[in-house]
Amino acid sequence: MVQIQTGRAQVCPAVDFEYQPPPAAFAAQRILVKPNLGYPVAPPVTVSMPVLAAVLRGLRQASPDAEILIVEGVCSPVSLNKIAAGHGLYALLDAKMQLLDADELPLRDYPNLSPQPVRFQSMQAPALLSEVDCRISVGAFKRTILKDQPLISASLKNLYGLFPRQHYKARSANSRGQLHRPSVPLVLQDVYFCIGHLFDGAVVDANQKFVSADWKPDRGQTVELGKVIWGEMLSADRLACELGDESKPDYLTAIEALITG
């Protein structure tokens, strides 16, 4: 398998992708996987089943007896079960894997560990995040436009689906409008320091890049990239941008500056 390593992330051709899980996955009892499957729309709006299958296969090899919980919260009036069935997810699951709707799980407050919180001193997300041994984000690679600025969605932005719509909704009950104020790039700093830092690994499905001419995250054009990136969350997202000919997002720069002090 041809691969390039850079910092704490690596890349290989999508056709050769064999997932190498982080150390936390080995001998884990419970593993949480958060895939980008919030829409009843095919890749690259959502993650592809071959990439997700490779992730699940790698995790199962790392921990043959682990309970693997696939957790997602949709951004659509279509139910998670229908979306998953339409994508063919259930065919990938073994007896110790199950799909859970993030909107139906018990919640807890996660404190914002940032030295400079943007808006939220804490954020509500499934308590399950604190009850597993390993957490993996599997994001699609997308560029939309919000307030006349490009927004890159990869493994960190993928975490929006973990926040309960009932608590973070605004005008639409199907979305999390409160997480768009004052802006998504700013709120993503809070997302990272509330729950993003908990994630042990990330995968970015960059076999295709989704490009929208506006804010709509499920209508746009497809650009062939043929890559999968995985590793530490911020490194994976940064490398995806480099390989996908996208500028490094301001929110990654801000988060990294806050981490290094």
C-alpha atoms as a PDB file:
ATOM      1  CA  MET A   1       0.000   0.000   0.000  1.00  0.00           C
ATOM      2  CA  VAL A   2       1.546   3.272  -1.132  1.00  0.00           C
ATOM      3  CA  GLN A   3       1.249   5.948   1.518  1.00  0.00           C
ATOM      4  CA  ILE A   4       2.776   9.258   2.511  1.00  0.00           C
ATOM      5  CA  GLN A   5       3.198  10.273   6.131  1.00  0.00           C
ATOM      6  CA  THR A   6       3.110  13.873   7.276  1.00  0.00           C
ATOM      7  CA  GLY A   7       3.162  14.784  10.932  1.00  0.00           C
ATOM      8  CA  ARG A   8       0.421  12.757  12.580  1.00  0.00           C
ATOM      9  CA  ALA A   9      -1.594  11.933   9.464  1.00  0.00           C
ATOM     10  CA  GLN A  10      -1.078   9.775   6.416  1.00  0.00           C
ATOM     11  CA  VAL A  11      -2.641   9.314   3.009  1.00  0.00           C
ATOM     12  CA  CYS A  12      -3.032   6.564   0.465  1.00  0.00           C
ATOM     13  CA  PRO A  13      -5.022   5.966  -2.730  1.00  0.00           C
ATOM     14  CA  ALA A  14      -8.632   5.246  -1.873  1.00  0.00           C
ATOM     15  CA  VAL A  15      -8.509   1.923  -3.715  1.00  0.00           C
ATOM     16  CA  ASP A  16      -5.662   0.766  -1.429  1.00  0.00           C
ATOM     17  CA  PHE A  17      -7.071   2.020   1.883  1.00  0.00           C
ATOM     18  CA  GLU A  18      -6.525  -0.340   4.796  1.00  0.00           C
ATOM     19  CA  TYR A  19      -7.277   1.382   8.077  1.00  0.00           C
ATOM     20  CA  GLN A  20      -4.594   1.410  10.734  1.00  0.00           C
ATOM     21  CA  PRO A  21      -6.386   2.271  14.001  1.00  0.00           C
ATOM     22  CA  PRO A  22      -4.850   4.392  16.764  1.00  0.00           C
ATOM     23  CA  PRO A  23      -3.403   2.667  19.861  1.00  0.00           C
ATOM     24  CA  ALA A  24      -6.615   3.297  21.831  1.00  0.00           C
ATOM     25  CA  ALA A  25      -8.497   0.888  19.552  1.00  0.00           C
ATOM     26  CA  PHE A  26      -6.383  -2.119  20.457  1.00  0.00           C
ATOM     27  CA  ALA A  27      -7.956  -4.266  23.169  1.00  0.00           C
ATOM     28  CA  ALA A  28     -10.758  -1.688  23.535  1.00  0.00           C
ATOM     29  CA  GLN A  29     -14.041  -2.917  24.976  1.00  0.00           C
ATOM     30  CA  ARG A  30     -16.201  -0.222  23.383  1.00  0.00           C
ATOM     31  CA  ILE A  31     -15.431   1.891  20.308  1.00  0.00           C
ATOM     32  CA  LEU A  32     -17.492   4.792  18.984  1.00  0.00           C
ATOM     33  CA  VAL A  33     -17.422   5.583  15.262  1.00  0.00           C
ATOM     34  CA  LYS A  34     -18.983   8.843  14.047  1.00  0.00           C
ATOM     35  CA  PRO A  35     -19.468   8.687  10.244  1.00  0.00           C
ATOM     36  CA  ASN A  36     -20.811  11.519   8.115  1.00  0.00           C
ATOM     37  CA  LEU A  37     -24.155   9.982   7.140  1.00  0.00           C
ATOM     38  CA  GLY A  38     -26.516  12.824   7.989  1.00  0.00           C
ATOM     39  CA  TYR A  39     -28.151  13.079   4.570  1.00  0.00           C
ATOM     40  CA  PRO A  40     -29.983  10.626   2.284  1.00  0.00           C
ATOM     41  CA  VAL A  41     -27.522  11.588  -0.460  1.00  0.00           C
ATOM     42  CA  ALA A  42     -24.692   9.566  -1.989  1.00  0.00           C
ATOM     43  CA  PRO A  43     -20.975  10.341  -1.592  1.00  0.00           C
ATOM     44  CA  PRO A  44     -19.230  12.742  -1.553  1.00  0.00           C
ATOM     45  CA  VAL A  45     -22.021  14.435   0.448  1.00  0.00           C
ATOM     46  CA  THR A  46     -21.695  11.482   2.808  1.00  0.00           C
ATOM     47  CA  VAL A  47     -18.898   8.992   3.417  1.00  0.00           C
ATOM     48  CA  SER A  48     -18.598   6.067   1.041  1.00  0.00           C
ATOM     49  CA  MET A  49     -19.344   2.562   2.232  1.00  0.00           C
ATOM     50  CA  PRO A  50     -15.969   1.176   1.028  1.00  0.00           C
ATOM     51  CA  VAL A  51     -14.134   3.679   3.241  1.00  0.00           C
ATOM     52  CA  LEU A  52     -16.412   3.082   6.222  1.00  0.00           C
ATOM     53  CA  ALA A  53     -16.149  -0.678   5.686  1.00  0.00           C
ATOM     54  CA  ALA A  54     -12.341  -0.429   5.772  1.00  0.00           C
ATOM     55  CA  VAL A  55     -12.515   1.538   9.038  1.00  0.00           C
ATOM     56  CA  LEU A  56     -14.823  -1.013  10.669  1.00  0.00           C
ATOM     57  CA  ARG A  57     -12.685  -3.858   9.393  1.00  0.00           C
ATOM     58  CA  GLY A  58      -9.531  -2.289  10.813  1.00  0.00           C
ATOM     59  CA  LEU A  59     -11.175  -1.682  14.169  1.00  0.00           C
ATOM     60  CA  ARG A  60     -12.461  -5.246  14.312  1.00  0.00           C
ATOM     61  CA  GLN A  61      -8.983  -6.579  13.610  1.00  0.00           C
ATOM     62  CA  ALA A  62      -7.595  -4.378  16.389  1.00  0.00           C
ATOM     63  CA  SER A  63     -10.263  -5.477  18.895  1.00  0.00           C
ATOM     64  CA  PRO A  64     -11.993  -8.711  17.871  1.00  0.00           C
ATOM     65  CA  ASP A  65     -14.385  -8.661  20.838  1.00  0.00           C
ATOM     66  CA  ALA A  66     -15.134  -4.935  21.070  1.00  0.00           C
ATOM     67  CA  GLU A  67     -18.611  -3.467  20.919  1.00  0.00           C
ATOM     68  CA  ILE A  68     -18.470  -0.997  18.016  1.00  0.00           C
ATOM     69  CA  LEU A  69     -21.110   1.722  18.149  1.00  0.00           C
ATOM     70  CA  ILE A  70     -21.800   3.740  14.997  1.00  0.00           C
ATOM     71  CA  VAL A  71     -23.313   7.034  16.147  1.00  0.00           C
ATOM     72  CA  GLU A  72     -24.811   9.722  13.910  1.00  0.00           C
ATOM     73  CA  GLY A  73     -27.364  12.511  14.123  1.00  0.00           C
ATOM     74  CA  VAL A  74     -29.065  13.417  10.875  1.00  0.00           C
ATOM     75  CA  CYS A  75     -29.565  16.830   9.224  1.00  0.00           C
ATOM     76  CA  SER A  76     -32.669  15.750   7.365  1.00  0.00           C
ATOM     77  CA  PRO A  77     -36.341  14.886   7.913  1.00  0.00           C
ATOM     78  CA  VAL A  78     -35.405  11.369   6.788  1.00  0.00           C
ATOM     79  CA  SER A  79     -34.688   9.037   9.718  1.00  0.00           C
ATOM     80  CA  LEU A  80     -31.228   7.686  10.436  1.00  0.00           C
ATOM     81  CA  ASN A  81     -32.423   4.113   9.906  1.00  0.00           C
ATOM     82  CA  LYS A  82     -33.719   4.932   6.426  1.00  0.00           C
ATOM     83  CA  ILE A  83     -30.566   6.828   5.523  1.00  0.00           C
ATOM     84  CA  ALA A  84     -28.366   3.983   6.743  1.00  0.00           C
ATOM     85  CA  ALA A  85     -30.412   1.393   4.874  1.00  0.00           C
ATOM     86  CA  GLY A  86     -30.275   3.452   1.699  1.00  0.00           C
ATOM     87  CA  HIS A  87     -26.498   3.659   1.899  1.00  0.00           C
ATOM     88  CA  GLY A  88     -26.124  -0.057   2.578  1.00  0.00           C
ATOM     89  CA  LEU A  89     -24.647   0.385   6.052  1.00  0.00           C
ATOM     90  CA  TYR A  90     -26.365  -2.584   7.654  1.00  0.00           C
ATOM     91  CA  ALA A  91     -24.559  -5.008   5.360  1.00  0.00           C
ATOM     92  CA  LEU A  92     -21.279  -3.881   6.953  1.00  0.00           C
ATOM     93  CA  LEU A  93     -22.231  -4.625  10.553  1.00  0.00           C
ATOM     94  CA  ASP A  94     -21.313  -7.746  12.454  1.00  0.00           C
ATOM     95  CA  ALA A  95     -23.071  -9.054  15.568  1.00  0.00           C
ATOM     96  CA  LYS A  96     -21.182  -6.704  17.890  1.00  0.00           C
ATOM     97  CA  MET A  97     -21.755  -3.546  15.846  1.00  0.00           C
ATOM     98  CA  GLN A  98     -24.852  -1.370  16.091  1.00  0.00           C
ATOM     99  CA  LEU A  99     -26.135   1.950  14.767  1.00  0.00           C
ATOM    100  CA  LEU A 100     -27.316   4.551  17.284  1.00  0.00           C
ATOM    101  CA  ASP A 101     -29.146   7.836  16.687  1.00  0.00           C
ATOM    102  CA  ALA A 102     -27.307  10.625  18.522  1.00  0.00           C
ATOM    103  CA  ASP A 103     -30.591  12.488  19.015  1.00  0.00           C
ATOM    104  CA  GLU A 104     -31.942   9.587  21.080  1.00  0.00           C
ATOM    105  CA  LEU A 105     -29.006   9.077  23.450  1.00  0.00           C
ATOM    106  CA  PRO A 106     -28.633  10.330  27.042  1.00  0.00           C
ATOM    107  CA  LEU A 107     -26.680  13.567  27.178  1.00  0.00           C
ATOM    108  CA  ARG A 108     -24.129  15.226  29.379  1.00  0.00           C
ATOM    109  CA  ASP A 109     -22.359  18.574  29.452  1.00  0.00           C
ATOM    110  CA  TYR A 110     -18.805  18.622  28.188  1.00  0.00           C
ATOM    111  CA  PRO A 111     -16.787  21.560  29.531  1.00  0.00           C
ATOM    112  CA  ASN A 112     -15.001  23.818  27.086  1.00  0.00           C
ATOM    113  CA  LEU A 113     -11.289  23.388  27.795  1.00  0.00           C
ATOM    114  CA  SER A 114     -10.284  26.266  25.533  1.00  0.00           C
ATOM    115  CA  PRO A 115      -8.370  29.110  27.200  1.00  0.00           C
ATOM    116  CA  GLN A 116     -10.559  31.421  25.080  1.00  0.00           C
ATOM    117  CA  PRO A 117     -14.093  30.001  24.607  1.00  0.00           C
ATOM    118  CA  VAL A 118     -15.944  31.609  21.721  1.00  0.00           C
ATOM    119  CA  ARG A 119     -19.564  31.120  22.729  1.00  0.00           C
ATOM    120  CA  PHE A 120     -20.148  27.962  24.762  1.00  0.00           C
ATOM    121  CA  GLN A 121     -18.718  27.337  28.217  1.00  0.00           C
ATOM    122  CA  SER A 122     -19.890  23.761  27.772  1.00  0.00           C
ATOM    123  CA  MET A 123     -21.778  21.774  25.133  1.00  0.00           C
ATOM    124  CA  GLN A 124     -24.299  18.952  25.334  1.00  0.00           C
ATOM    125  CA  ALA A 125     -23.456  15.740  23.515  1.00  0.00           C
ATOM    126  CA  PRO A 126     -24.071  12.024  24.084  1.00  0.00           C
ATOM    127  CA  ALA A 127     -22.778  10.776  27.422  1.00  0.00           C
ATOM    128  CA  LEU A 128     -21.584   7.750  25.463  1.00  0.00           C
ATOM    129  CA  LEU A 129     -18.569   9.774  24.329  1.00  0.00           C
ATOM    130  CA  SER A 130     -17.225   9.584  27.879  1.00  0.00           C
ATOM    131  CA  GLU A 131     -18.105   5.894  28.278  1.00  0.00           C
ATOM    132  CA  VAL A 132     -16.094   4.315  25.439  1.00  0.00           C
ATOM    133  CA  ASP A 133     -12.432   3.427  25.124  1.00  0.00           C
ATOM    134  CA  CYS A 134     -11.852   4.799  21.620  1.00  0.00           C
ATOM    135  CA  ARG A 135     -13.538   7.374  19.366  1.00  0.00           C
ATOM    136  CA  ILE A 136     -13.093   7.722  15.597  1.00  0.00           C
ATOM    137  CA  SER A 137     -14.526  10.426  13.313  1.00  0.00           C
ATOM    138  CA  VAL A 138     -15.048   9.421   9.669  1.00  0.00           C
ATOM    139  CA  GLY A 139     -15.797  12.561   7.669  1.00  0.00           C
ATOM    140  CA  ALA A 140     -16.503  13.397   4.061  1.00  0.00           C
ATOM    141  CA  PHE A 141     -14.437  16.185   2.457  1.00  0.00           C
ATOM    142  CA  LYS A 142     -16.620  19.148   1.518  1.00  0.00           C
ATOM    143  CA  ARG A 143     -16.435  22.869   0.748  1.00  0.00           C
ATOM    144  CA  THR A 144     -19.485  25.073   1.105  1.00  0.00           C
ATOM    145  CA  ILE A 145     -19.901  28.857   1.255  1.00  0.00           C
ATOM    146  CA  LEU A 146     -21.175  30.593   4.375  1.00  0.00           C
ATOM    147  CA  LYS A 147     -21.308  34.385   4.677  1.00  0.00           C
ATOM    148  CA  ASP A 148     -19.296  34.665   1.445  1.00  0.00           C
ATOM    149  CA  GLN A 149     -16.455  32.600   2.921  1.00  0.00           C
ATOM    150  CA  PRO A 150     -15.466  29.004   2.147  1.00  0.00           C
ATOM    151  CA  LEU A 151     -16.141  26.462   4.874  1.00  0.00           C
ATOM    152  CA  ILE A 152     -14.217  23.193   4.850  1.00  0.00           C
ATOM    153  CA  SER A 153     -15.951  20.197   6.368  1.00  0.00           C
ATOM    154  CA  ALA A 154     -13.857  17.160   7.217  1.00  0.00           C
ATOM    155  CA  SER A 155     -13.410  15.134  10.401  1.00  0.00           C
ATOM    156  CA  LEU A 156     -13.880  17.995  12.903  1.00  0.00           C
ATOM    157  CA  LYS A 157     -16.952  19.537  11.286  1.00  0.00           C
ATOM    158  CA  ASN A 158     -18.345  15.993  11.103  1.00  0.00           C
ATOM    159  CA  LEU A 159     -18.827  16.157  14.882  1.00  0.00           C
ATOM    160  CA  TYR A 160     -21.764  18.568  14.468  1.00  0.00           C
ATOM    161  CA  GLY A 161     -23.963  15.490  14.060  1.00  0.00           C
ATOM    162  CA  LEU A 162     -23.339  14.505  17.677  1.00  0.00           C
ATOM    163  CA  PHE A 163     -25.058  17.554  19.112  1.00  0.00           C
ATOM    164  CA  PRO A 164     -28.801  17.169  19.858  1.00  0.00           C
ATOM    165  CA  ARG A 165     -31.007  19.047  17.417  1.00  0.00           C
ATOM    166  CA  GLN A 166     -33.630  19.652  20.093  1.00  0.00           C
ATOM    167  CA  HIS A 167     -31.118  21.688  22.063  1.00  0.00           C
ATOM    168  CA  TYR A 168     -29.239  23.404  19.221  1.00  0.00           C
ATOM    169  CA  LYS A 169     -31.958  23.938  16.633  1.00  0.00           C
ATOM    170  CA  ALA A 170     -32.877  27.437  15.426  1.00  0.00           C
ATOM    171  CA  ARG A 171     -35.434  28.085  12.694  1.00  0.00           C
ATOM    172  CA  SER A 172     -35.337  24.544  11.302  1.00  0.00           C
ATOM    173  CA  ALA A 173     -35.949  21.515  13.502  1.00  0.00           C
ATOM    174  CA  ASN A 174     -33.809  19.438  11.119  1.00  0.00           C
ATOM    175  CA  SER A 175     -30.599  21.370  11.642  1.00  0.00           C
ATOM    176  CA  ARG A 176     -28.454  22.780  14.419  1.00  0.00           C
ATOM    177  CA  GLY A 177     -28.771  26.472  13.677  1.00  0.00           C
ATOM    178  CA  GLN A 178     -27.459  27.566  17.060  1.00  0.00           C
ATOM    179  CA  LEU A 179     -24.085  26.138  16.055  1.00  0.00           C
ATOM    180  CA  HIS A 180     -23.920  28.619  13.169  1.00  0.00           C
ATOM    181  CA  ARG A 181     -23.837  31.657  15.460  1.00  0.00           C
ATOM    182  CA  PRO A 182     -21.741  33.789  15.380  1.00  0.00           C
ATOM    183  CA  SER A 183     -20.162  31.591  12.674  1.00  0.00           C
ATOM    184  CA  VAL A 184     -19.354  27.936  12.079  1.00  0.00           C
ATOM    185  CA  PRO A 185     -15.566  28.503  11.978  1.00  0.00           C
ATOM    186  CA  LEU A 186     -15.723  30.188  15.374  1.00  0.00           C
ATOM    187  CA  VAL A 187     -18.037  27.591  16.933  1.00  0.00           C
ATOM    188  CA  LEU A 188     -15.766  24.825  15.640  1.00  0.00           C
ATOM    189  CA  GLN A 189     -13.177  26.065  18.118  1.00  0.00           C
ATOM    190  CA  ASP A 190     -15.633  25.358  20.929  1.00  0.00           C
ATOM    191  CA  VAL A 191     -16.556  22.017  19.364  1.00  0.00           C
ATOM    192  CA  TYR A 192     -12.933  20.917  19.390  1.00  0.00           C
ATOM    193  CA  PHE A 193     -12.275  21.952  22.977  1.00  0.00           C
ATOM    194  CA  CYS A 194     -15.557  20.422  24.228  1.00  0.00           C
ATOM    195  CA  ILE A 195     -15.565  17.051  22.434  1.00  0.00           C
ATOM    196  CA  GLY A 196     -13.115  17.072  19.517  1.00  0.00           C
ATOM    197  CA  HIS A 197     -10.110  16.630  21.785  1.00  0.00           C
ATOM    198  CA  LEU A 198     -11.640  13.359  23.012  1.00  0.00           C
ATOM    199  CA  PHE A 199     -11.294  11.693  19.605  1.00  0.00           C
ATOM    200  CA  ASP A 200      -8.454   9.246  19.247  1.00  0.00           C
ATOM    201  CA  GLY A 201      -8.442   9.197  15.470  1.00  0.00           C
ATOM    202  CA  ALA A 202      -9.982  10.612  12.328  1.00  0.00           C
ATOM    203  CA  VAL A 203     -10.496   9.534   8.741  1.00  0.00           C
ATOM    204  CA  VAL A 204     -11.241  11.882   5.842  1.00  0.00           C
ATOM    205  CA  ASP A 205     -12.866  10.279   2.807  1.00  0.00           C
ATOM    206  CA  ALA A 206     -11.289  12.345   0.035  1.00  0.00           C
ATOM    207  CA  ASN A 207     -11.924   9.911  -2.770  1.00  0.00           C
ATOM    208  CA  GLN A 208     -14.119  12.728  -4.051  1.00  0.00           C
ATOM    209  CA  LYS A 209     -14.371  16.325  -2.880  1.00  0.00           C
ATOM    210  CA  PHE A 210     -17.816  17.888  -2.686  1.00  0.00           C
ATOM    211  CA  VAL A 211     -17.965  21.536  -3.774  1.00  0.00           C
ATOM    212  CA  SER A 212     -21.064  23.673  -3.275  1.00  0.00           C
ATOM    213  CA  ALA A 213     -21.605  27.099  -4.802  1.00  0.00           C
ATOM    214  CA  ASP A 214     -23.519  28.181  -1.681  1.00  0.00           C
ATOM    215  CA  TRP A 215     -24.335  27.027   1.851  1.00  0.00           C
ATOM    216  CA  LYS A 216     -26.219  23.895   0.823  1.00  0.00           C
ATOM    217  CA  PRO A 217     -24.218  20.893   2.070  1.00  0.00           C
ATOM    218  CA  ASP A 218     -26.073  18.345  -0.067  1.00  0.00           C
ATOM    219  CA  ARG A 219     -26.156  20.007  -3.515  1.00  0.00           C
ATOM    220  CA  GLY A 220     -23.033  20.696  -5.512  1.00  0.00           C
ATOM    221  CA  GLN A 221     -20.294  19.375  -7.752  1.00  0.00           C
ATOM    222  CA  THR A 222     -17.850  16.492  -7.421  1.00  0.00           C
ATOM    223  CA  VAL A 223     -14.074  16.705  -7.813  1.00  0.00           C
ATOM    224  CA  GLU A 224     -12.107  13.453  -8.076  1.00  0.00           C
ATOM    225  CA  LEU A 225      -9.202  13.226  -5.634  1.00  0.00           C
ATOM    226  CA  GLY A 226      -8.867   9.474  -5.084  1.00  0.00           C
ATOM    227  CA  LYS A 227      -7.387   9.727  -1.580  1.00  0.00           C
ATOM    228  CA  VAL A 228      -8.133   8.715   1.997  1.00  0.00           C
ATOM    229  CA  ILE A 229      -6.414  10.519   4.865  1.00  0.00           C
ATOM    230  CA  TRP A 230      -6.282   9.293   8.434  1.00  0.00           C
ATOM    231  CA  GLY A 231      -4.534   9.988  11.710  1.00  0.00           C
ATOM    232  CA  GLU A 232      -4.905  12.639  14.380  1.00  0.00           C
ATOM    233  CA  MET A 233      -7.962  14.827  13.775  1.00  0.00           C
ATOM    234  CA  LEU A 234      -6.395  18.243  13.167  1.00  0.00           C
ATOM    235  CA  SER A 235      -3.513  16.771  11.176  1.00  0.00           C
ATOM    236  CA  ALA A 236      -5.862  14.730   8.992  1.00  0.00           C
ATOM    237  CA  ASP A 237      -8.032  17.748   8.216  1.00  0.00           C
ATOM    238  CA  ARG A 238      -4.990  19.897   7.460  1.00  0.00           C
ATOM    239  CA  LEU A 239      -3.519  17.276   5.137  1.00  0.00           C
ATOM    240  CA  ALA A 240      -6.858  16.824   3.362  1.00  0.00           C
ATOM    241  CA  CYS A 241      -6.873  20.546   2.593  1.00  0.00           C
ATOM    242  CA  GLU A 242      -3.315  20.414   1.250  1.00  0.00           C
ATOM    243  CA  LEU A 243      -4.074  17.465  -1.014  1.00  0.00           C
ATOM    244  CA  GLY A 244      -7.441  18.884  -2.047  1.00  0.00           C
ATOM    245  CA  ASP A 245      -6.004  22.270  -3.085  1.00  0.00           C
ATOM    246  CA  GLU A 246      -7.819  24.121  -0.325  1.00  0.00           C
ATOM    247  CA  SER A 247      -6.413  26.808   1.935  1.00  0.00           C
ATOM    248  CA  LYS A 248      -5.916  25.791   5.542  1.00  0.00           C
ATOM    249  CA  PRO A 249      -9.121  26.794   7.381  1.00  0.00           C
ATOM    250  CA  ASP A 250      -8.863  29.632   9.868  1.00  0.00           C
ATOM    251  CA  TYR A 251     -10.451  27.468  12.546  1.00  0.00           C
ATOM    252  CA  LEU A 252      -7.597  24.932  12.338  1.00  0.00           C
ATOM    253  CA  THR A 253      -5.047  27.730  12.679  1.00  0.00           C
ATOM    254  CA  ALA A 254      -6.914  29.166  15.667  1.00  0.00           C
ATOM    255  CA  ILE A 255      -7.262  25.813  17.426  1.00  0.00           C
ATOM    256  CA  GLU A 256      -3.613  24.924  16.911  1.00  0.00           C
ATOM    257  CA  ALA A 257      -2.572  28.333  18.269  1.00  0.00           C
ATOM    258  CA  LEU A 258      -4.707  27.798  21.372  1.00  0.00           C
ATOM    259  CA  ILE A 259      -3.224  24.334  21.916  1.00  0.00           C
ATOM    260  CA  THR A 260       0.364  25.548  21.666  1.00  0.00           C
ATOM    261  CA  GLY A 261      -0.346  28.652  23.718  1.00  0.00           C
END
